[in-house]
Amino acid sequence: MAVAVRGDVGWRSFWLGLLAGVGGGVGLAAFYRALSLGTMSIVSPIAACGAVVPFGISIASGERPAGIAVAGAVVALGGAVLASVDEGRSSSRDRTRAIALAALAALALGLFVYFLGLGSREGDALSTLFGARVGSLALLVVGASVVRARVAIPRSALVAVVAVGVADVSANALFALASGHGLLALVSVLGSLYPVVTVLLAHLLLGERLTRLQQFGVAAALAGVLAISAS
């Protein structure tokens, strides 16, 4: 809608956003499928490693963050992985498949983050976001048609689904804006700390207890953020 009001599309940013949308669609599909196999304690830490993809590509492309920032990024990423680890262990025979899907999710979501940041940085953030939505929606429609899935939202879940959608669009928009004001290698790591937020919200709102390993992971992630901010 915002692009329609403005009446102009940055086509380079749009195509980069389209690539991001395809990566995001594949990544989320693989992530949710992996979670459905009941191995969240394995899936979540692997998926959190998706930040390695844009971080590595950005470094290989010539970005040179300060040493303390690189160290902070490594510590923050490691903390996010540890924070998402659960003590539970699944005995499911689908564990191998879940690990493969989680690895695919990490790769695809990492590419989503990279192309979203690249499009926003080299051109227009709004056009990049528009392309990402077109790409992910097109992929969803094609996938639903192929498997003949019935797409329906129960009324009881409508508010939650809308809230998730608003949060998702807001997060992507903020990330796109941040990519235009900082090194993509560092922004991508900061944008991938969602497991820490999830764990903290589960603790504060749902009363879930944090293991010592998770507490250490949260502390490490916050320390990494401070190191990046101080660079």
Protein backbone atom coordinates (compact mmCIF):
# COMPACT_ATOMS: atom_id res chain seq x y z
CA MET A 1 0.00 0.00 0.00
CA ALA A 2 2.82 2.40 0.89
CA VAL A 3 4.51 1.71 -2.47
CA ALA A 4 1.22 2.37 -4.28
CA VAL A 5 0.78 5.70 -2.46
CA ARG A 6 4.32 6.74 -3.33
CA GLY A 7 3.84 5.63 -6.93
CA ASP A 8 7.46 4.59 -7.50
CA VAL A 9 9.36 1.30 -7.23
CA GLY A 10 13.14 0.92 -7.06
CA TRP A 11 13.45 -2.12 -9.27
CA ARG A 12 16.92 -3.24 -8.19
CA SER A 13 15.79 -3.17 -4.57
CA PHE A 14 12.55 -4.91 -5.56
CA TRP A 15 14.38 -7.85 -7.19
CA LEU A 16 16.74 -8.20 -4.25
CA GLY A 17 13.69 -8.14 -1.97
CA LEU A 18 12.09 -10.81 -4.14
CA LEU A 19 15.10 -13.07 -3.56
CA ALA A 20 14.83 -12.33 0.16
CA GLY A 21 11.15 -13.26 0.12
CA VAL A 22 11.83 -16.62 -1.51
CA GLY A 23 14.51 -17.35 1.09
CA GLY A 24 12.18 -16.28 3.89
CA GLY A 25 9.33 -18.42 2.60
CA VAL A 26 11.49 -21.52 2.25
CA GLY A 27 13.15 -20.88 5.61
CA LEU A 28 9.93 -20.48 7.57
CA ALA A 29 8.34 -23.50 5.90
CA ALA A 30 11.36 -25.66 6.77
CA PHE A 31 11.51 -24.22 10.30
CA TYR A 32 7.86 -24.86 11.11
CA ARG A 33 8.01 -28.33 9.60
CA ALA A 34 11.08 -29.14 11.69
CA LEU A 35 9.29 -27.90 14.82
CA SER A 36 6.30 -30.08 14.02
CA LEU A 37 8.54 -33.12 14.37
CA GLY A 38 8.84 -32.40 18.09
CA THR A 39 12.55 -31.64 18.35
CA MET A 40 12.46 -27.98 19.35
CA SER A 41 15.54 -28.35 21.56
CA ILE A 42 17.52 -29.25 18.45
CA VAL A 43 15.74 -27.17 15.82
CA SER A 44 15.88 -23.78 17.54
CA PRO A 45 19.67 -23.62 18.14
CA ILE A 46 20.42 -24.77 14.58
CA ALA A 47 18.02 -22.23 13.07
CA ALA A 48 19.56 -19.48 15.21
CA CYS A 49 22.84 -20.11 13.40
CA GLY A 50 21.32 -18.60 10.25
CA ALA A 51 23.04 -15.32 11.16
CA VAL A 52 26.33 -16.93 10.15
CA VAL A 53 25.24 -16.76 6.48
CA PRO A 54 24.88 -12.95 6.08
CA PHE A 55 27.75 -12.39 8.50
CA GLY A 56 30.09 -14.57 6.42
CA ILE A 57 28.94 -13.16 3.07
CA SER A 58 29.35 -9.59 4.30
CA ILE A 59 32.87 -10.24 5.58
CA ALA A 60 33.77 -12.00 2.31
CA SER A 61 32.33 -9.04 0.35
CA GLY A 62 34.74 -6.63 1.97
CA GLU A 63 33.12 -5.37 5.17
CA ARG A 64 35.68 -4.91 7.92
CA PRO A 65 34.12 -4.38 11.35
CA ALA A 66 36.33 -3.51 14.31
CA GLY A 67 37.86 -6.45 16.17
CA ILE A 68 35.73 -5.88 19.26
CA ALA A 69 32.61 -5.86 17.08
CA VAL A 70 33.53 -9.18 15.46
CA ALA A 71 34.20 -10.70 18.88
CA GLY A 72 30.88 -9.30 20.12
CA ALA A 73 29.05 -10.78 17.13
CA VAL A 74 30.51 -14.22 17.79
CA VAL A 75 29.66 -14.04 21.50
CA ALA A 76 26.14 -12.75 20.79
CA LEU A 77 25.44 -15.48 18.25
CA GLY A 78 26.75 -18.16 20.58
CA GLY A 79 24.62 -16.75 23.38
CA ALA A 80 21.51 -16.86 21.19
CA VAL A 81 22.16 -20.52 20.42
CA LEU A 82 22.70 -21.41 24.09
CA ALA A 83 19.63 -19.42 25.17
CA SER A 84 17.43 -21.45 22.85
CA VAL A 85 18.68 -24.83 24.04
CA ASP A 86 16.19 -26.84 26.06
CA GLU A 87 17.13 -29.68 28.39
CA GLY A 88 14.47 -31.89 26.85
CA ARG A 89 15.54 -34.59 24.47
CA SER A 90 13.38 -36.09 21.78
CA SER A 91 13.45 -39.79 21.04
CA SER A 92 11.62 -39.30 17.77
CA ARG A 93 12.83 -41.30 14.80
CA ASP A 94 12.39 -38.15 12.73
CA ARG A 95 15.28 -36.39 14.49
CA THR A 96 17.60 -36.69 11.49
CA ARG A 97 14.96 -35.18 9.23
CA ALA A 98 14.35 -32.38 11.72
CA ILE A 99 18.07 -31.55 11.82
CA ALA A 100 18.22 -31.43 8.01
CA LEU A 101 15.16 -29.16 7.86
CA ALA A 102 16.58 -26.90 10.58
CA ALA A 103 19.83 -26.58 8.63
CA LEU A 104 17.85 -25.69 5.51
CA ALA A 105 15.90 -23.13 7.53
CA ALA A 106 19.12 -21.57 8.83
CA LEU A 107 20.54 -21.27 5.31
CA ALA A 108 17.34 -19.91 3.75
CA LEU A 109 16.62 -17.44 6.57
CA GLY A 110 20.25 -16.32 6.45
CA LEU A 111 19.86 -15.55 2.74
CA PHE A 112 16.61 -13.73 3.50
CA VAL A 113 18.41 -11.48 5.98
CA TYR A 114 21.31 -10.87 3.59
CA PHE A 115 19.25 -9.91 0.52
CA LEU A 116 16.81 -7.85 2.59
CA GLY A 117 19.72 -5.89 4.03
CA LEU A 118 21.51 -5.61 0.68
CA GLY A 119 18.45 -4.31 -1.13
CA SER A 120 17.75 -1.77 1.59
CA ARG A 121 21.35 -0.63 1.70
CA GLU A 122 21.97 -0.28 -2.02
CA GLY A 123 18.62 1.20 -2.94
CA ASP A 124 15.21 1.64 -1.41
CA ALA A 125 14.08 -0.06 1.81
CA LEU A 126 10.39 0.24 0.93
CA SER A 127 10.83 -1.38 -2.48
CA THR A 128 12.91 -4.13 -0.90
CA LEU A 129 10.19 -4.87 1.64
CA PHE A 130 7.58 -4.86 -1.12
CA GLY A 131 9.62 -7.35 -3.16
CA ALA A 132 10.10 -9.57 -0.11
CA ARG A 133 6.34 -9.71 0.50
CA VAL A 134 5.64 -10.49 -3.14
CA GLY A 135 8.26 -13.26 -3.14
CA SER A 136 7.12 -14.94 0.08
CA LEU A 137 3.40 -14.66 -0.79
CA ALA A 138 3.93 -16.06 -4.28
CA LEU A 139 5.90 -18.97 -2.86
CA LEU A 140 3.17 -19.63 -0.29
CA VAL A 141 0.42 -19.61 -2.93
CA VAL A 142 2.35 -21.96 -5.21
CA GLY A 143 3.20 -24.30 -2.34
CA ALA A 144 -0.38 -24.39 -1.09
CA SER A 145 -1.62 -25.13 -4.61
CA VAL A 146 0.85 -27.95 -5.15
CA VAL A 147 0.01 -29.75 -1.90
CA ARG A 148 -3.65 -28.70 -2.13
CA ALA A 149 -3.56 -27.32 1.39
CA ARG A 150 -6.63 -25.66 2.86
CA VAL A 151 -5.64 -22.24 4.13
CA ALA A 152 -8.00 -21.13 6.90
CA ILE A 153 -7.59 -19.16 10.12
CA PRO A 154 -9.83 -20.05 13.10
CA ARG A 155 -11.61 -17.04 14.57
CA SER A 156 -10.06 -17.76 17.95
CA ALA A 157 -6.58 -17.33 16.46
CA LEU A 158 -7.33 -14.30 14.28
CA VAL A 159 -6.07 -11.68 16.74
CA ALA A 160 -2.86 -13.62 17.40
CA VAL A 161 -2.23 -14.09 13.67
CA VAL A 162 -2.74 -10.37 12.99
CA ALA A 163 -0.39 -9.49 15.87
CA VAL A 164 2.27 -11.83 14.48
CA GLY A 165 1.88 -10.28 11.03
CA VAL A 166 2.24 -6.74 12.35
CA ALA A 167 5.28 -7.72 14.43
CA ASP A 168 6.85 -9.47 11.43
CA VAL A 169 6.39 -6.51 9.07
CA SER A 170 7.61 -4.07 11.74
CA ALA A 171 10.71 -6.16 12.46
CA ASN A 172 11.58 -6.44 8.76
CA ALA A 173 11.09 -2.71 8.27
CA LEU A 174 13.31 -1.85 11.23
CA PHE A 175 15.98 -4.28 10.02
CA ALA A 176 15.84 -2.77 6.52
CA LEU A 177 16.32 0.72 7.96
CA ALA A 178 19.15 -0.45 10.23
CA SER A 179 20.94 -2.02 7.26
CA GLY A 180 21.22 1.40 5.66
CA HIS A 181 22.97 2.86 8.70
CA GLY A 182 25.42 0.16 9.75
CA LEU A 183 27.55 -2.77 8.62
CA LEU A 184 25.36 -5.63 7.40
CA ALA A 185 27.65 -8.16 9.09
CA LEU A 186 26.80 -6.69 12.51
CA VAL A 187 23.17 -5.74 11.85
CA SER A 188 22.42 -9.29 10.74
CA VAL A 189 23.72 -10.70 14.01
CA LEU A 190 21.74 -8.23 16.11
CA GLY A 191 18.63 -9.04 14.09
CA SER A 192 19.08 -12.75 14.74
CA LEU A 193 18.89 -12.56 18.54
CA TYR A 194 15.19 -13.43 18.55
CA PRO A 195 15.71 -16.69 20.54
CA VAL A 196 16.84 -14.56 23.50
CA VAL A 197 13.64 -12.49 23.37
CA THR A 198 11.51 -15.62 23.02
CA VAL A 199 13.12 -17.27 26.02
CA LEU A 200 12.80 -14.13 28.17
CA LEU A 201 9.13 -13.65 27.25
CA ALA A 202 8.41 -17.29 28.04
CA HIS A 203 10.04 -16.76 31.42
CA LEU A 204 8.25 -13.48 32.21
CA LEU A 205 4.81 -14.17 30.76
CA LEU A 206 4.46 -17.94 30.93
CA GLY A 207 6.46 -18.60 34.06
CA GLU A 208 8.87 -20.98 32.33
CA ARG A 209 12.10 -21.52 34.23
CA LEU A 210 15.43 -20.85 32.57
CA THR A 211 18.13 -23.47 32.86
CA ARG A 212 21.61 -22.35 33.89
CA LEU A 213 22.76 -22.88 30.32
CA GLN A 214 19.99 -20.62 29.03
CA GLN A 215 20.79 -17.97 31.65
CA PHE A 216 24.42 -18.04 30.55
CA GLY A 217 23.31 -17.76 26.90
CA VAL A 218 21.15 -14.70 27.60
CA ALA A 219 23.99 -13.02 29.49
CA ALA A 220 26.47 -13.81 26.69
CA ALA A 221 24.11 -12.46 24.03
CA LEU A 222 23.64 -9.20 25.94
CA ALA A 223 27.40 -8.90 26.45
CA GLY A 224 27.91 -9.40 22.72
CA VAL A 225 25.39 -6.66 21.94
CA LEU A 226 27.21 -4.27 24.25
CA ALA A 227 30.52 -5.07 22.53
CA ILE A 228 29.02 -4.38 19.11
CA SER A 229 27.45 -1.12 20.34
CA ALA A 230 30.77 0.03 21.79
CA SER A 231 32.65 -0.43 18.52
